[in-house]
């Protein structure tokens, strides 16, 4: 996976995910909201600098809140249509984001 991230409202959020077969899924958008250690909201409906894009697909909201001795992590994907949501699911959204969370937990455990 490739990522370019400018953590400020209007900053670029670019990623290229690769399937096990080598297919690439590029995504470019912008950060909408950045609250350090708490919340990140980004979308592909807008590009860097809040410029409208041609084919919006989804907006993501990731929150992290203290809970007991740990952290509650919630990732939400908001789609404009049910068809887009279904397409995202078929692309492996749940599995991919689940693996990303597992990797985050592993890295956090090593800190």
C-alpha atoms as a PDB file:
ATOM      1  CA  UNK A   1       0.000   0.000   0.000  1.00  0.00           C
ATOM      2  CA  UNK A   2       1.144   3.508  -0.807  1.00  0.00           C
ATOM      3  CA  UNK A   3      -0.034   6.530   1.180  1.00  0.00           C
ATOM      4  CA  UNK A   4       0.475  10.277   1.007  1.00  0.00           C
ATOM      5  CA  UNK A   5      -1.185  12.187   3.818  1.00  0.00           C
ATOM      6  CA  UNK A   6      -1.139  15.904   4.661  1.00  0.00           C
ATOM      7  CA  UNK A   7      -2.872  16.063   8.043  1.00  0.00           C
ATOM      8  CA  UNK A   8      -4.681  19.383   7.788  1.00  0.00           C
ATOM      9  CA  UNK A   9      -8.093  20.370   6.444  1.00  0.00           C
ATOM     10  CA  UNK A  10      -7.779  20.517   2.655  1.00  0.00           C
ATOM     11  CA  UNK A  11      -4.571  18.453   2.726  1.00  0.00           C
ATOM     12  CA  UNK A  12      -4.117  15.515   0.362  1.00  0.00           C
ATOM     13  CA  UNK A  13      -5.247  12.012   1.305  1.00  0.00           C
ATOM     14  CA  UNK A  14      -3.901   9.670  -1.365  1.00  0.00           C
ATOM     15  CA  UNK A  15      -3.655   5.903  -1.201  1.00  0.00           C
ATOM     16  CA  UNK A  16      -3.029   3.075  -3.610  1.00  0.00           C
ATOM     17  CA  UNK A  17      -4.192  -0.324  -2.391  1.00  0.00           C
ATOM     18  CA  UNK A  18      -3.110  -3.523  -4.108  1.00  0.00           C
ATOM     19  CA  UNK A  19      -5.016  -6.782  -4.255  1.00  0.00           C
ATOM     20  CA  UNK A  20      -3.232 -10.108  -3.761  1.00  0.00           C
ATOM     21  CA  UNK A  21      -3.354 -10.450  -7.569  1.00  0.00           C
ATOM     22  CA  UNK A  22      -1.552  -7.117  -8.010  1.00  0.00           C
ATOM     23  CA  UNK A  23      -4.537  -5.009  -9.116  1.00  0.00           C
ATOM     24  CA  UNK A  24      -4.168  -1.414  -7.957  1.00  0.00           C
ATOM     25  CA  UNK A  25      -6.946   0.715  -6.485  1.00  0.00           C
ATOM     26  CA  UNK A  26      -5.853   4.366  -6.355  1.00  0.00           C
ATOM     27  CA  UNK A  27      -7.813   6.870  -4.315  1.00  0.00           C
ATOM     28  CA  UNK A  28      -7.206  10.595  -3.944  1.00  0.00           C
ATOM     29  CA  UNK A  29      -9.107  13.021  -1.807  1.00  0.00           C
ATOM     30  CA  UNK A  30      -8.636  15.462   1.003  1.00  0.00           C
ATOM     31  CA  UNK A  31      -8.758  15.681   4.746  1.00  0.00           C
ATOM     32  CA  UNK A  32     -11.846  17.462   6.011  1.00  0.00           C
ATOM     33  CA  UNK A  33     -11.254  17.338   9.743  1.00  0.00           C
ATOM     34  CA  UNK A  34      -8.148  16.569  11.774  1.00  0.00           C
ATOM     35  CA  UNK A  35      -8.347  16.457  15.569  1.00  0.00           C
ATOM     36  CA  UNK A  36      -5.012  15.216  16.901  1.00  0.00           C
ATOM     37  CA  UNK A  37      -5.238  11.774  18.510  1.00  0.00           C
ATOM     38  CA  UNK A  38      -9.066  11.818  18.270  1.00  0.00           C
ATOM     39  CA  UNK A  39     -10.607  12.111  14.817  1.00  0.00           C
ATOM     40  CA  UNK A  40      -9.753  12.048  11.115  1.00  0.00           C
ATOM     41  CA  UNK A  41     -12.355  12.703   8.434  1.00  0.00           C
ATOM     42  CA  UNK A  42     -11.443  12.409   4.768  1.00  0.00           C
ATOM     43  CA  UNK A  43     -13.289  12.118   1.464  1.00  0.00           C
ATOM     44  CA  UNK A  44     -12.719  11.503  -2.221  1.00  0.00           C
ATOM     45  CA  UNK A  45     -15.646  13.811  -3.068  1.00  0.00           C
ATOM     46  CA  UNK A  46     -13.104  16.621  -2.812  1.00  0.00           C
ATOM     47  CA  UNK A  47      -9.490  16.663  -3.879  1.00  0.00           C
ATOM     48  CA  UNK A  48      -6.612  18.495  -2.228  1.00  0.00           C
ATOM     49  CA  UNK A  49      -7.509  22.101  -1.466  1.00  0.00           C
ATOM     50  CA  UNK A  50     -11.241  21.199  -1.342  1.00  0.00           C
ATOM     51  CA  UNK A  51     -11.460  20.949  -5.161  1.00  0.00           C
ATOM     52  CA  UNK A  52     -14.523  18.939  -6.320  1.00  0.00           C
ATOM     53  CA  UNK A  53     -13.803  15.558  -7.917  1.00  0.00           C
ATOM     54  CA  UNK A  54     -15.612  13.895 -10.804  1.00  0.00           C
ATOM     55  CA  UNK A  55     -16.585  10.586  -9.177  1.00  0.00           C
ATOM     56  CA  UNK A  56     -17.108  10.802  -5.431  1.00  0.00           C
ATOM     57  CA  UNK A  57     -17.233   7.381  -3.798  1.00  0.00           C
ATOM     58  CA  UNK A  58     -17.061   7.710  -0.024  1.00  0.00           C
ATOM     59  CA  UNK A  59     -16.229   9.726   3.067  1.00  0.00           C
ATOM     60  CA  UNK A  60     -14.455   8.133   6.036  1.00  0.00           C
ATOM     61  CA  UNK A  61     -14.648   9.132   9.679  1.00  0.00           C
ATOM     62  CA  UNK A  62     -12.128   7.528  12.022  1.00  0.00           C
ATOM     63  CA  UNK A  63     -12.463   8.226  15.745  1.00  0.00           C
ATOM     64  CA  UNK A  64     -10.288   7.206  18.673  1.00  0.00           C
ATOM     65  CA  UNK A  65     -11.546   7.738  22.212  1.00  0.00           C
ATOM     66  CA  UNK A  66     -10.036   6.681  25.546  1.00  0.00           C
ATOM     67  CA  UNK A  67     -11.931   3.775  27.076  1.00  0.00           C
ATOM     68  CA  UNK A  68     -10.799   2.155  30.290  1.00  0.00           C
ATOM     69  CA  UNK A  69      -7.148   1.244  29.856  1.00  0.00           C
ATOM     70  CA  UNK A  70      -7.416   1.225  26.070  1.00  0.00           C
ATOM     71  CA  UNK A  71      -8.834   3.083  23.124  1.00  0.00           C
ATOM     72  CA  UNK A  72     -12.116   2.697  21.274  1.00  0.00           C
ATOM     73  CA  UNK A  73     -11.379   2.867  17.533  1.00  0.00           C
ATOM     74  CA  UNK A  74     -14.318   3.360  15.171  1.00  0.00           C
ATOM     75  CA  UNK A  75     -14.005   3.616  11.386  1.00  0.00           C
ATOM     76  CA  UNK A  76     -17.080   4.621   9.394  1.00  0.00           C
ATOM     77  CA  UNK A  77     -17.403   4.713   5.632  1.00  0.00           C
ATOM     78  CA  UNK A  78     -20.262   6.794   4.242  1.00  0.00           C
ATOM     79  CA  UNK A  79     -21.316   6.178   0.649  1.00  0.00           C
ATOM     80  CA  UNK A  80     -23.568   8.285  -1.566  1.00  0.00           C
ATOM     81  CA  UNK A  81     -25.509   5.273  -2.834  1.00  0.00           C
ATOM     82  CA  UNK A  82     -26.272   1.701  -1.822  1.00  0.00           C
ATOM     83  CA  UNK A  83     -24.566   0.586  -5.049  1.00  0.00           C
ATOM     84  CA  UNK A  84     -21.336   2.331  -4.014  1.00  0.00           C
ATOM     85  CA  UNK A  85     -21.519   0.694  -0.585  1.00  0.00           C
ATOM     86  CA  UNK A  86     -21.999  -2.712  -2.190  1.00  0.00           C
ATOM     87  CA  UNK A  87     -19.099  -2.095  -4.581  1.00  0.00           C
ATOM     88  CA  UNK A  88     -16.858  -1.141  -1.654  1.00  0.00           C
ATOM     89  CA  UNK A  89     -17.844  -4.312   0.191  1.00  0.00           C
ATOM     90  CA  UNK A  90     -17.086  -6.381  -2.935  1.00  0.00           C
ATOM     91  CA  UNK A  91     -13.660  -4.700  -3.150  1.00  0.00           C
ATOM     92  CA  UNK A  92     -12.897  -6.187   0.286  1.00  0.00           C
ATOM     93  CA  UNK A  93     -13.518  -3.094   2.411  1.00  0.00           C
ATOM     94  CA  UNK A  94     -14.317  -4.964   5.630  1.00  0.00           C
ATOM     95  CA  UNK A  95     -11.412  -7.394   5.308  1.00  0.00           C
ATOM     96  CA  UNK A  96      -8.937  -4.686   4.254  1.00  0.00           C
ATOM     97  CA  UNK A  97      -9.839  -2.193   6.950  1.00  0.00           C
ATOM     98  CA  UNK A  98      -9.911  -5.039   9.493  1.00  0.00           C
ATOM     99  CA  UNK A  99      -6.361  -6.025   8.541  1.00  0.00           C
ATOM    100  CA  UNK A 100      -5.277  -2.391   8.761  1.00  0.00           C
ATOM    101  CA  UNK A 101      -6.696  -2.215  12.293  1.00  0.00           C
ATOM    102  CA  UNK A 102      -4.884  -5.431  13.265  1.00  0.00           C
ATOM    103  CA  UNK A 103      -1.630  -3.892  12.003  1.00  0.00           C
ATOM    104  CA  UNK A 104      -2.314  -0.672  13.937  1.00  0.00           C
ATOM    105  CA  UNK A 105      -2.888  -2.658  17.137  1.00  0.00           C
ATOM    106  CA  UNK A 106       0.363  -4.556  16.550  1.00  0.00           C
ATOM    107  CA  UNK A 107       2.366  -1.362  16.050  1.00  0.00           C
ATOM    108  CA  UNK A 108       0.727   0.335  19.044  1.00  0.00           C
ATOM    109  CA  UNK A 109       1.617  -2.668  21.196  1.00  0.00           C
ATOM    110  CA  UNK A 110       5.283  -2.201  20.315  1.00  0.00           C
ATOM    111  CA  UNK A 111       5.355   1.472  21.400  1.00  0.00           C
END
